[in-house]
C-alpha atoms as a PDB file:
ATOM      1  CA  MET A   1     -18.675   4.346   0.828  1.00  0.00           C
ATOM      2  CA  ASN A   2     -17.653   7.825  -0.218  1.00  0.00           C
ATOM      3  CA  ALA A   3     -19.433   9.021  -3.236  1.00  0.00           C
ATOM      4  CA  LYS A   4     -16.291  10.774  -4.482  1.00  0.00           C
ATOM      5  CA  THR A   5     -14.210   7.600  -4.680  1.00  0.00           C
ATOM      6  CA  VAL A   6     -14.325   4.865  -7.303  1.00  0.00           C
ATOM      7  CA  ALA A   7     -15.076   1.240  -6.259  1.00  0.00           C
ATOM      8  CA  LEU A   8     -12.298  -1.232  -7.357  1.00  0.00           C
ATOM      9  CA  SER A   9     -11.723  -4.835  -6.551  1.00  0.00           C
ATOM     10  CA  ARG A  10      -8.804  -5.816  -4.266  1.00  0.00           C
ATOM     11  CA  ARG A  11      -6.865  -6.918  -7.437  1.00  0.00           C
ATOM     12  CA  GLU A  12      -7.387  -3.698  -9.266  1.00  0.00           C
ATOM     13  CA  ILE A  13      -6.257  -1.620  -6.192  1.00  0.00           C
ATOM     14  CA  LEU A  14      -3.116  -3.740  -5.672  1.00  0.00           C
ATOM     15  CA  GLU A  15      -2.298  -3.507  -9.323  1.00  0.00           C
ATOM     16  CA  LYS A  16      -2.369   0.311  -9.077  1.00  0.00           C
ATOM     17  CA  ALA A  17      -0.509   0.271  -5.820  1.00  0.00           C
ATOM     18  CA  ASN A  18       2.275  -1.903  -7.110  1.00  0.00           C
ATOM     19  CA  ALA A  19       2.689   0.144 -10.249  1.00  0.00           C
ATOM     20  CA  LEU A  20       3.041   3.312  -7.966  1.00  0.00           C
ATOM     21  CA  ILE A  21       5.519   1.405  -5.748  1.00  0.00           C
ATOM     22  CA  ARG A  22       7.840   0.786  -8.739  1.00  0.00           C
ATOM     23  CA  GLU A  23       7.784   4.522  -9.423  1.00  0.00           C
ATOM     24  CA  HIS A  24       8.436   5.616  -5.911  1.00  0.00           C
ATOM     25  CA  ASP A  25      11.764   7.335  -5.130  1.00  0.00           C
ATOM     26  CA  ASP A  26      12.451   4.882  -2.345  1.00  0.00           C
ATOM     27  CA  TYR A  27      11.715   1.814  -4.377  1.00  0.00           C
ATOM     28  CA  PHE A  28      14.006  -1.210  -4.100  1.00  0.00           C
ATOM     29  CA  ALA A  29      13.567  -4.783  -5.509  1.00  0.00           C
ATOM     30  CA  GLY A  30      11.259  -6.897  -3.460  1.00  0.00           C
ATOM     31  CA  ILE A  31       8.851  -4.244  -2.182  1.00  0.00           C
ATOM     32  CA  GLU A  32       5.264  -5.233  -3.065  1.00  0.00           C
ATOM     33  CA  ALA A  33       1.800  -4.591  -1.561  1.00  0.00           C
ATOM     34  CA  THR A  34       0.256  -8.119  -1.197  1.00  0.00           C
ATOM     35  CA  GLU A  35      -2.878  -7.120   0.731  1.00  0.00           C
ATOM     36  CA  VAL A  36      -5.230  -4.253   1.151  1.00  0.00           C
ATOM     37  CA  GLU A  37      -8.117  -3.708   3.361  1.00  0.00           C
ATOM     38  CA  GLN A  38     -10.643  -0.892   3.927  1.00  0.00           C
ATOM     39  CA  ASN A  39     -10.531   0.793   7.333  1.00  0.00           C
ATOM     40  CA  GLY A  40     -13.186   3.381   7.289  1.00  0.00           C
ATOM     41  CA  GLN A  41     -12.215   5.616   4.350  1.00  0.00           C
ATOM     42  CA  LEU A  42      -8.632   4.549   4.295  1.00  0.00           C
ATOM     43  CA  LEU A  43      -7.085   1.759   2.274  1.00  0.00           C
ATOM     44  CA  ILE A  44      -4.416  -0.032   4.315  1.00  0.00           C
ATOM     45  CA  PHE A  45      -1.758  -1.855   2.522  1.00  0.00           C
ATOM     46  CA  ARG A  46       0.518  -4.802   3.711  1.00  0.00           C
ATOM     47  CA  GLY A  47       3.443  -6.649   2.541  1.00  0.00           C
ATOM     48  CA  ASP A  48       6.857  -7.660   3.596  1.00  0.00           C
ATOM     49  CA  TYR A  49       8.270  -5.178   6.043  1.00  0.00           C
ATOM     50  CA  PHE A  50      11.854  -6.507   5.702  1.00  0.00           C
ATOM     51  CA  LEU A  51      12.262  -7.068   9.503  1.00  0.00           C
ATOM     52  CA  ASP A  52      15.436  -8.645  10.872  1.00  0.00           C
ATOM     53  CA  GLU A  53      15.680 -12.160  12.418  1.00  0.00           C
ATOM     54  CA  ASN A  54      14.404 -10.731  15.777  1.00  0.00           C
ATOM     55  CA  GLY A  55      11.386  -9.190  14.121  1.00  0.00           C
ATOM     56  CA  LEU A  56      12.900  -5.722  14.454  1.00  0.00           C
ATOM     57  CA  PRO A  57      12.705  -2.993  11.748  1.00  0.00           C
ATOM     58  CA  THR A  58      15.711  -2.551   9.347  1.00  0.00           C
ATOM     59  CA  ALA A  59      16.616   0.478   7.165  1.00  0.00           C
ATOM     60  CA  LYS A  60      14.478  -1.117   4.562  1.00  0.00           C
ATOM     61  CA  SER A  61      11.505  -1.200   6.958  1.00  0.00           C
ATOM     62  CA  THR A  62      11.451   2.521   7.019  1.00  0.00           C
ATOM     63  CA  ALA A  63      11.289   2.714   3.203  1.00  0.00           C
ATOM     64  CA  VAL A  64       8.456   0.241   3.043  1.00  0.00           C
ATOM     65  CA  PHE A  65       6.479   2.056   5.731  1.00  0.00           C
ATOM     66  CA  ASN A  66       6.854   5.289   3.983  1.00  0.00           C
ATOM     67  CA  ILE A  67       5.811   3.905   0.642  1.00  0.00           C
ATOM     68  CA  PHE A  68       2.744   2.165   1.940  1.00  0.00           C
ATOM     69  CA  LYS A  69       1.845   5.403   3.883  1.00  0.00           C
ATOM     70  CA  ALA A  70       2.055   7.395   0.620  1.00  0.00           C
ATOM     71  CA  LEU A  71      -0.188   4.662  -1.027  1.00  0.00           C
ATOM     72  CA  THR A  72      -2.741   5.016   1.572  1.00  0.00           C
ATOM     73  CA  VAL A  73      -2.876   8.755   1.456  1.00  0.00           C
ATOM     74  CA  GLY A  74      -2.821   8.864  -2.393  1.00  0.00           C
ATOM     75  CA  LEU A  75      -5.171   5.941  -3.293  1.00  0.00           C
ATOM     76  CA  SER A  76      -7.737   6.435  -0.438  1.00  0.00           C
ATOM     77  CA  GLU A  77      -8.685   9.797  -1.908  1.00  0.00           C
ATOM     78  CA  LYS A  78      -9.526   8.167  -5.148  1.00  0.00           C
ATOM     79  CA  TYR A  79     -10.698   4.584  -4.535  1.00  0.00           C
ATOM     80  CA  HIS A  80     -12.404   2.314  -2.146  1.00  0.00           C
ATOM     81  CA  LEU A  81     -12.798  -1.556  -2.020  1.00  0.00           C
ATOM     82  CA  ALA A  82     -15.840  -2.833  -3.978  1.00  0.00           C
ATOM     83  CA  ASP A  83     -16.061  -6.102  -1.887  1.00  0.00           C
END
């Protein structure tokens, strides 16, 4: 992986991600990153996107997308998955 980033386990990256989520301006109760994967040099985060009963985005979906995008940008420059 990139020599400029630190290798961390999935658990460690998710712990950091969820701490950052709770500090984000768009945070609301229930947002949580439950999965992370390495895609090239990017960390991709997943969790509940708060879709409606038809599987369509809600106002909360936009907030979740923006938070997960911020996590990808911010954490991918510092860390990569060790496993």
